Amino acid sequence: MRLRFEHRDTETHADIADRVWRTRSDAEDTMTSAARTCCQLIFTRMQGQLLVSLRGPETRATTAPVPPDAEFFGIRLTLGTVLRPHPAASIVDGYVPFPVTDSGRIVIGGEAWEAPTYENVEQFVGRLRDAGLLVRSGLERFAGHPGDQPSSRTLQRQYRAITGLSRTAVTQIDRVNAAATMLRDGLGWSTAVETLGYFDQAHLARSLRRYVGRTARGLRTVDGASMSFLYKTDPSPGS
């Protein structure tokens, strides 16, 4: 059976963690993971064991094996949110695992934390924030007027230091995920191209192959590897 994702917005602390999801595998499978701009905390339960990791931004689509009889639960951090001491730039296309005690508590920042559930994510996020482990890194300053900003090169360096990605990469990845969501939901090529500012169908097709790992037809069918959930985004067209 293909993976089925349940997801919801967070009810509080949406400035640092805006989405939570969960799924489970009944049998051995493979999953295609689309490129992502944000870090995610991933919790996996299998064979009575809890595994926890922080996944960094992903700059391309990847395919990974999925073990049978496993439960997965994730918290998506917002762009610019940092889980100390693991900045996004240090784990691009990678991850860092966290120790789990014999009692099932997660060691983050030298302290053991009770593992969250899908229902109480907000409390877990709030505790990490109050402890100074989950912090915003001030991406808001990049939205100011050019005359109030440092040089373009300095801005690019600062932005990459915070997010692990260039501003161009963030725009491209968010845009192609939005396009993939539109195509998966039944909208046509021309609508996606026009709405999101692609040059033409070929331009969008190349982006889908690189960042999503699927064709438009593949997004609409149930054949092949399961697909990580495509979150709807609101990118600026024409970038």
Protein backbone atom coordinates (compact mmCIF):
# COMPACT_ATOMS: atom_id res chain seq x y z
CA MET A 1 0.00 0.00 0.00
CA ARG A 2 1.30 3.47 -0.88
CA LEU A 3 2.04 5.85 1.98
CA ARG A 4 -0.89 8.07 2.88
CA PHE A 5 -0.07 11.35 4.60
CA GLU A 6 -2.22 13.09 7.20
CA HIS A 7 -1.25 16.68 7.87
CA ARG A 8 -2.37 19.86 9.61
CA ASP A 9 -1.24 23.40 10.32
CA THR A 10 0.10 24.09 13.78
CA GLU A 11 -2.30 25.95 16.05
CA THR A 12 0.36 28.01 17.85
CA HIS A 13 4.02 28.96 17.28
CA ALA A 14 3.36 29.02 13.52
CA ASP A 15 6.24 31.46 13.09
CA ILE A 16 8.73 28.70 13.90
CA ALA A 17 6.91 25.46 13.00
CA ASP A 18 3.98 25.67 10.62
CA ARG A 19 3.08 22.13 9.59
CA VAL A 20 2.89 18.67 11.13
CA TRP A 21 2.34 15.39 9.28
CA ARG A 22 2.23 11.65 9.89
CA THR A 23 2.03 8.40 7.94
CA ARG A 24 2.72 4.72 8.38
CA SER A 25 3.99 1.88 6.22
CA ASP A 26 2.26 -1.49 6.07
CA ALA A 27 4.84 -3.11 3.81
CA GLU A 28 8.32 -2.46 2.48
CA ASP A 29 8.21 0.37 -0.03
CA THR A 30 10.21 3.18 -1.60
CA MET A 31 9.45 6.88 -1.38
CA THR A 32 10.31 9.80 -3.61
CA SER A 33 11.09 12.89 -1.56
CA ALA A 34 10.74 16.23 -3.32
CA ALA A 35 13.25 19.02 -2.75
CA ARG A 36 12.50 21.14 0.33
CA THR A 37 13.59 24.57 1.55
CA CYS A 38 12.90 24.03 5.26
CA CYS A 39 14.28 21.76 7.96
CA GLN A 40 12.09 19.06 9.47
CA LEU A 41 12.16 17.11 12.71
CA ILE A 42 11.41 13.48 11.83
CA PHE A 43 10.26 10.84 14.34
CA THR A 44 10.24 7.18 13.29
CA ARG A 45 8.89 4.29 15.36
CA MET A 46 9.72 0.78 14.21
CA GLN A 47 10.18 -2.52 16.03
CA GLY A 48 9.59 -0.79 19.33
CA GLN A 49 12.40 1.72 18.74
CA LEU A 50 12.19 5.50 18.37
CA LEU A 51 14.53 7.24 15.92
CA VAL A 52 14.69 11.04 15.78
CA SER A 53 16.56 13.29 13.36
CA LEU A 54 16.66 16.81 11.99
CA ARG A 55 16.62 16.79 8.20
CA GLY A 56 18.08 19.76 6.38
CA PRO A 57 16.93 21.47 3.19
CA GLU A 58 16.96 19.20 0.13
CA THR A 59 18.17 20.59 -3.18
CA ARG A 60 16.97 17.74 -5.41
CA ALA A 61 14.51 14.88 -5.48
CA THR A 62 15.70 11.66 -3.88
CA THR A 63 14.36 8.13 -3.52
CA ALA A 64 14.72 6.21 -0.28
CA PRO A 65 13.65 2.78 1.02
CA VAL A 66 10.75 2.66 3.48
CA PRO A 67 10.81 -0.14 6.08
CA PRO A 68 7.63 -2.14 6.78
CA ASP A 69 5.48 -1.65 9.89
CA ALA A 70 6.88 1.78 10.69
CA GLU A 71 5.21 5.00 11.84
CA PHE A 72 6.52 8.38 10.72
CA PHE A 73 5.75 11.78 12.18
CA GLY A 74 7.26 15.11 11.17
CA ILE A 75 7.36 18.77 12.18
CA ARG A 76 8.20 21.27 9.45
CA LEU A 77 10.13 24.28 10.70
CA THR A 78 9.60 27.57 8.92
CA LEU A 79 12.22 29.05 6.63
CA GLY A 80 14.76 30.86 8.80
CA THR A 81 14.04 28.89 11.99
CA VAL A 82 17.12 27.29 13.54
CA LEU A 83 17.31 24.35 15.92
CA ARG A 84 20.47 25.06 17.87
CA PRO A 85 23.20 24.02 17.50
CA HIS A 86 22.40 22.71 13.99
CA PRO A 87 22.00 25.56 11.45
CA ALA A 88 20.38 24.65 8.15
CA ALA A 89 23.61 25.40 6.26
CA SER A 90 25.34 22.54 8.10
CA ILE A 91 22.83 19.86 7.03
CA VAL A 92 21.83 20.70 3.44
CA ASP A 93 20.97 17.39 1.74
CA GLY A 94 21.73 15.67 5.03
CA TYR A 95 20.53 15.14 8.57
CA VAL A 96 21.66 14.95 12.17
CA PRO A 97 20.37 12.17 14.49
CA PHE A 98 19.44 12.79 18.13
CA PRO A 99 20.05 10.28 20.94
CA VAL A 100 17.01 8.68 22.53
CA THR A 101 17.16 7.50 26.14
CA ASP A 102 16.00 4.07 27.32
CA SER A 103 12.83 5.76 28.60
CA GLY A 104 12.09 7.20 25.13
CA ARG A 105 13.11 10.81 25.78
CA ILE A 106 14.96 12.77 23.08
CA VAL A 107 18.27 14.43 23.89
CA ILE A 108 18.44 17.88 22.25
CA GLY A 109 20.79 20.61 23.46
CA GLY A 110 22.08 18.40 26.26
CA GLU A 111 18.63 17.94 27.83
CA ALA A 112 16.21 15.01 27.57
CA TRP A 113 12.77 15.96 26.22
CA GLU A 114 9.53 14.01 26.23
CA ALA A 115 8.75 12.84 22.69
CA PRO A 116 5.84 14.73 21.12
CA THR A 117 2.79 13.26 19.46
CA TYR A 118 0.87 14.44 16.42
CA GLU A 119 -1.69 15.97 18.76
CA ASN A 120 0.64 17.87 21.13
CA VAL A 121 3.30 19.23 18.79
CA GLU A 122 2.61 22.79 19.89
CA GLN A 123 3.64 22.09 23.49
CA PHE A 124 6.88 20.42 22.36
CA VAL A 125 7.75 23.29 20.02
CA GLY A 126 6.96 25.82 22.73
CA ARG A 127 9.25 24.12 25.22
CA LEU A 128 12.15 24.08 22.75
CA ARG A 129 11.54 27.74 21.96
CA ASP A 130 11.41 28.74 25.62
CA ALA A 131 14.71 26.90 26.20
CA GLY A 132 16.34 28.93 23.43
CA LEU A 133 16.82 25.92 21.16
CA LEU A 134 14.30 26.88 18.46
CA VAL A 135 14.93 30.44 17.29
CA ARG A 136 14.08 32.68 14.36
CA SER A 137 17.05 34.09 12.48
CA GLY A 138 15.62 37.34 11.18
CA LEU A 139 14.87 36.69 7.51
CA GLU A 140 12.45 39.60 7.74
CA ARG A 141 15.30 42.05 7.23
CA PHE A 142 15.77 40.84 3.66
CA ALA A 143 12.42 42.35 2.72
CA GLY A 144 13.51 45.97 3.29
CA HIS A 145 14.14 48.64 0.70
CA PRO A 146 17.36 48.26 -1.34
CA GLY A 147 18.69 51.59 -0.04
CA ASP A 148 18.46 50.31 3.53
CA GLN A 149 20.30 47.06 2.76
CA PRO A 150 23.95 46.01 2.71
CA SER A 151 25.50 45.07 -0.64
CA SER A 152 23.89 42.35 -2.77
CA ARG A 153 26.80 39.99 -2.20
CA THR A 154 26.61 40.48 1.57
CA LEU A 155 22.87 39.82 1.52
CA GLN A 156 23.33 36.65 -0.49
CA ARG A 157 25.96 35.40 1.95
CA GLN A 158 23.79 36.19 4.98
CA TYR A 159 20.71 34.57 3.44
CA ARG A 160 22.60 31.37 2.61
CA ALA A 161 24.11 31.28 6.11
CA ILE A 162 20.59 31.31 7.60
CA THR A 163 18.73 29.01 5.19
CA GLY A 164 21.53 26.93 3.68
CA LEU A 165 20.25 27.91 0.23
CA SER A 166 20.42 30.88 -2.11
CA ARG A 167 17.32 33.03 -2.51
CA THR A 168 17.07 31.79 -6.12
CA ALA A 169 17.10 28.16 -4.99
CA VAL A 170 14.40 28.81 -2.39
CA THR A 171 12.16 30.45 -5.00
CA GLN A 172 12.73 27.65 -7.54
CA ILE A 173 12.04 24.85 -5.06
CA ASP A 174 8.91 26.46 -3.61
CA ARG A 175 7.63 27.22 -7.09
CA VAL A 176 8.08 23.71 -8.45
CA ASN A 177 6.41 22.19 -5.38
CA ALA A 178 3.46 24.51 -5.99
CA ALA A 179 3.39 23.42 -9.64
CA ALA A 180 3.53 19.75 -8.69
CA THR A 181 0.64 20.22 -6.27
CA MET A 182 -1.42 21.90 -8.99
CA LEU A 183 -0.71 19.11 -11.48
CA ARG A 184 -1.37 16.39 -8.91
CA ASP A 185 -4.72 17.99 -8.15
CA GLY A 186 -5.76 17.84 -11.79
CA LEU A 187 -4.92 21.29 -13.19
CA GLY A 188 -3.35 21.41 -16.65
CA TRP A 189 0.17 22.26 -17.81
CA SER A 190 -0.86 25.61 -19.24
CA THR A 191 -2.42 26.72 -15.96
CA ALA A 192 0.69 25.85 -13.96
CA VAL A 193 3.02 27.48 -16.51
CA GLU A 194 1.02 30.70 -16.67
CA THR A 195 0.23 30.97 -12.96
CA LEU A 196 3.78 30.36 -11.76
CA GLY A 197 5.72 32.15 -14.47
CA TYR A 198 7.51 29.28 -16.23
CA PHE A 199 8.76 30.01 -19.74
CA ASP A 200 6.98 27.01 -21.26
CA GLN A 201 6.03 23.39 -20.67
CA ALA A 202 9.59 22.18 -21.23
CA HIS A 203 10.89 24.55 -18.57
CA LEU A 204 8.42 23.18 -16.03
CA ALA A 205 9.12 19.57 -17.05
CA ARG A 206 12.85 20.01 -16.40
CA SER A 207 12.15 21.51 -12.98
CA LEU A 208 9.81 18.63 -12.09
CA ARG A 209 12.44 16.03 -12.97
CA ARG A 210 15.15 17.77 -10.96
CA TYR A 211 13.28 18.87 -7.86
CA VAL A 212 10.27 16.55 -7.63
CA GLY A 213 11.47 13.42 -9.37
CA ARG A 214 8.17 12.93 -11.22
CA THR A 215 6.57 13.77 -14.51
CA ALA A 216 3.15 15.44 -14.62
CA ARG A 217 1.59 12.09 -15.52
CA GLY A 218 3.45 10.40 -12.67
CA LEU A 219 2.02 12.88 -10.18
CA ARG A 220 -1.52 11.88 -11.16
CA THR A 221 -1.08 8.09 -11.09
CA VAL A 222 -0.68 5.64 -8.22
CA ASP A 223 2.11 3.67 -9.89
CA GLY A 224 5.70 3.68 -8.71
CA ALA A 225 7.21 4.97 -5.47
CA SER A 226 5.15 6.76 -2.86
CA MET A 227 5.51 10.53 -2.86
CA SER A 228 6.30 12.76 0.08
CA PHE A 229 3.41 15.13 0.67
CA LEU A 230 3.48 18.20 -1.56
CA TYR A 231 2.74 21.16 0.65
CA LYS A 232 1.06 24.09 -1.00
CA THR A 233 3.28 27.14 -1.20
CA ASP A 234 2.89 30.70 -2.41
CA PRO A 235 6.04 31.50 -4.41
CA SER A 236 6.59 34.63 -6.45
CA PRO A 237 6.17 33.87 -10.17
CA GLY A 238 8.76 34.73 -12.75
CA SER A 239 11.84 33.89 -10.65
